[in-house]
């Protein structure tokens, strides 16, 4: 597997990442399409995106992070295509985002884990904090970890 990290100005990679995210969030989970793309996905945004590709170049997973302040990032939009789950691709993606944020000087990461994914993030060193919340009709647990 190949992990590519890039900014929102890389339109060809953004299109590939958005295709993965739409397949997972919009098609599978019925998140409204207009809520899937936000300011962190538009040209000029400071978010860092990641795309996992198979050796043949097929896009398998996507995710991103963006700075909350000079020390903290918010990880999100983690998506692995249905036929490729439970193969370590999500962890590869998450580790790449965490490593990139750490290399850029950030010290802390937060995310909102879908309820079914809390154990996945816990294994990666994240711990729950605060009350659960609902985003796009999906229950989420805020989680955090030191980088």
Protein backbone atom coordinates (compact mmCIF):
# COMPACT_ATOMS: atom_id res chain seq x y z
CA UNK A 1 0.00 0.00 0.00
CA UNK A 2 1.09 3.54 -0.75
CA UNK A 3 0.12 6.52 1.43
CA UNK A 4 0.15 9.92 -0.24
CA UNK A 5 -0.02 13.10 1.86
CA UNK A 6 -1.05 16.33 0.16
CA UNK A 7 -2.81 19.65 0.49
CA UNK A 8 -6.23 20.61 -0.82
CA UNK A 9 -4.64 22.43 -3.77
CA UNK A 10 -3.67 19.05 -5.27
CA UNK A 11 -6.96 18.73 -7.15
CA UNK A 12 -6.37 15.29 -8.71
CA UNK A 13 -5.61 13.70 -5.34
CA UNK A 14 -8.49 15.60 -3.73
CA UNK A 15 -10.86 14.18 -6.34
CA UNK A 16 -9.63 10.66 -5.53
CA UNK A 17 -9.97 11.27 -1.77
CA UNK A 18 -13.45 12.73 -2.16
CA UNK A 19 -14.52 9.75 -4.27
CA UNK A 20 -13.57 7.43 -1.38
CA UNK A 21 -15.27 9.65 1.19
CA UNK A 22 -18.46 9.95 -0.86
CA UNK A 23 -18.60 6.16 -1.33
CA UNK A 24 -18.33 5.63 2.43
CA UNK A 25 -20.11 8.59 3.99
CA UNK A 26 -22.70 9.62 1.41
CA UNK A 27 -23.50 6.31 -0.29
CA UNK A 28 -23.11 3.92 2.67
CA UNK A 29 -23.90 6.08 5.68
CA UNK A 30 -26.32 8.52 4.01
CA UNK A 31 -24.51 11.68 5.09
CA UNK A 32 -25.90 14.56 3.00
CA UNK A 33 -23.49 15.28 0.13
CA UNK A 34 -23.51 19.00 0.89
CA UNK A 35 -22.19 18.26 4.41
CA UNK A 36 -19.35 16.01 3.31
CA UNK A 37 -17.25 18.71 1.64
CA UNK A 38 -16.31 21.69 3.78
CA UNK A 39 -13.82 24.56 3.93
CA UNK A 40 -10.96 22.16 4.78
CA UNK A 41 -11.38 20.51 1.38
CA UNK A 42 -11.28 23.66 -0.72
CA UNK A 43 -8.27 25.16 -2.51
CA UNK A 44 -6.17 27.28 -0.18
CA UNK A 45 -7.12 25.32 2.95
CA UNK A 46 -4.33 24.39 5.37
CA UNK A 47 -5.63 20.87 5.98
CA UNK A 48 -3.38 17.91 5.20
CA UNK A 49 -5.07 15.04 3.40
CA UNK A 50 -3.99 11.43 2.99
CA UNK A 51 -4.91 8.88 0.37
CA UNK A 52 -4.06 5.17 0.55
CA UNK A 53 -3.64 3.51 -2.82
CA UNK A 54 -3.20 -0.09 -3.84
CA UNK A 55 -0.06 -0.97 -5.84
CA UNK A 56 -2.14 -0.67 -9.02
CA UNK A 57 -3.05 2.93 -8.11
CA UNK A 58 -6.63 2.28 -7.00
CA UNK A 59 -7.77 4.54 -4.16
CA UNK A 60 -8.70 2.55 -1.04
CA UNK A 61 -8.89 5.01 1.86
CA UNK A 62 -8.77 8.72 2.67
CA UNK A 63 -8.55 10.98 5.70
CA UNK A 64 -7.32 14.39 6.80
CA UNK A 65 -6.30 16.63 9.65
CA UNK A 66 -6.30 20.36 10.16
CA UNK A 67 -4.79 22.60 12.83
CA UNK A 68 -7.00 23.77 15.68
CA UNK A 69 -4.20 25.95 17.01
CA UNK A 70 -0.40 25.87 17.05
CA UNK A 71 -0.28 22.66 19.14
CA UNK A 72 -3.43 20.67 18.27
CA UNK A 73 -4.92 19.05 15.18
CA UNK A 74 -8.35 17.62 14.42
CA UNK A 75 -8.27 14.30 12.53
CA UNK A 76 -11.33 13.41 10.53
CA UNK A 77 -13.04 12.13 7.41
CA UNK A 78 -11.34 8.75 7.90
CA UNK A 79 -12.83 6.41 5.30
CA UNK A 80 -11.86 2.95 3.98
CA UNK A 81 -13.80 1.46 1.08
CA UNK A 82 -16.04 -1.41 2.17
CA UNK A 83 -14.23 -4.20 0.37
CA UNK A 84 -10.90 -3.26 1.94
CA UNK A 85 -11.74 -2.98 5.64
CA UNK A 86 -10.14 -5.11 8.36
CA UNK A 87 -6.85 -5.33 6.45
CA UNK A 88 -4.88 -2.71 8.38
CA UNK A 89 -5.49 0.04 5.83
CA UNK A 90 -7.31 2.28 8.30
CA UNK A 91 -4.45 1.99 10.78
CA UNK A 92 -1.92 2.73 8.02
CA UNK A 93 -3.91 5.84 7.14
CA UNK A 94 -4.27 6.99 10.75
CA UNK A 95 -0.58 6.42 11.51
CA UNK A 96 0.40 8.45 8.43
CA UNK A 97 -1.76 11.38 9.54
CA UNK A 98 -0.45 11.22 13.13
CA UNK A 99 3.17 10.96 11.97
CA UNK A 100 2.76 13.87 9.55
CA UNK A 101 1.19 16.07 12.22
CA UNK A 102 3.96 15.20 14.68
CA UNK A 103 6.64 15.95 12.06
CA UNK A 104 5.04 19.36 11.51
CA UNK A 105 5.39 20.18 15.21
CA UNK A 106 1.93 19.42 16.54
CA UNK A 107 1.73 17.82 19.98
CA UNK A 108 -1.88 16.71 20.38
CA UNK A 109 -4.64 15.24 18.20
CA UNK A 110 -8.38 15.08 18.70
CA UNK A 111 -11.09 13.38 16.68
CA UNK A 112 -14.74 12.45 16.83
CA UNK A 113 -14.96 8.67 16.42
CA UNK A 114 -18.11 7.08 15.12
CA UNK A 115 -19.42 4.91 17.93
CA UNK A 116 -18.53 1.65 16.15
CA UNK A 117 -14.92 2.83 15.63
CA UNK A 118 -14.02 3.74 19.23
CA UNK A 119 -12.10 0.47 19.78
CA UNK A 120 -10.10 1.06 16.58
CA UNK A 121 -8.95 4.49 17.78
CA UNK A 122 -8.35 3.24 21.32
CA UNK A 123 -5.87 0.67 19.92
CA UNK A 124 -4.06 3.56 18.24
CA UNK A 125 -3.59 5.36 21.57
CA UNK A 126 -6.62 7.65 21.57
CA UNK A 127 -8.73 7.93 24.70
CA UNK A 128 -12.34 9.06 25.02
CA UNK A 129 -13.13 12.40 26.64
CA UNK A 130 -16.31 14.38 27.09
CA UNK A 131 -19.86 13.53 26.18
CA UNK A 132 -20.88 11.79 22.98
CA UNK A 133 -22.32 13.93 20.22
CA UNK A 134 -24.39 13.45 17.10
CA UNK A 135 -23.06 14.56 13.72
CA UNK A 136 -25.15 13.89 10.59
CA UNK A 137 -27.40 11.60 12.66
CA UNK A 138 -24.40 9.42 13.65
CA UNK A 139 -23.28 9.02 17.28
CA UNK A 140 -19.65 10.09 17.85
CA UNK A 141 -17.28 9.91 20.82
CA UNK A 142 -14.66 12.69 21.16
CA UNK A 143 -11.19 11.16 21.58
CA UNK A 144 -7.66 12.52 22.03
CA UNK A 145 -4.02 11.54 22.23
CA UNK A 146 -0.62 13.04 22.61
CA UNK A 147 1.53 12.92 19.53
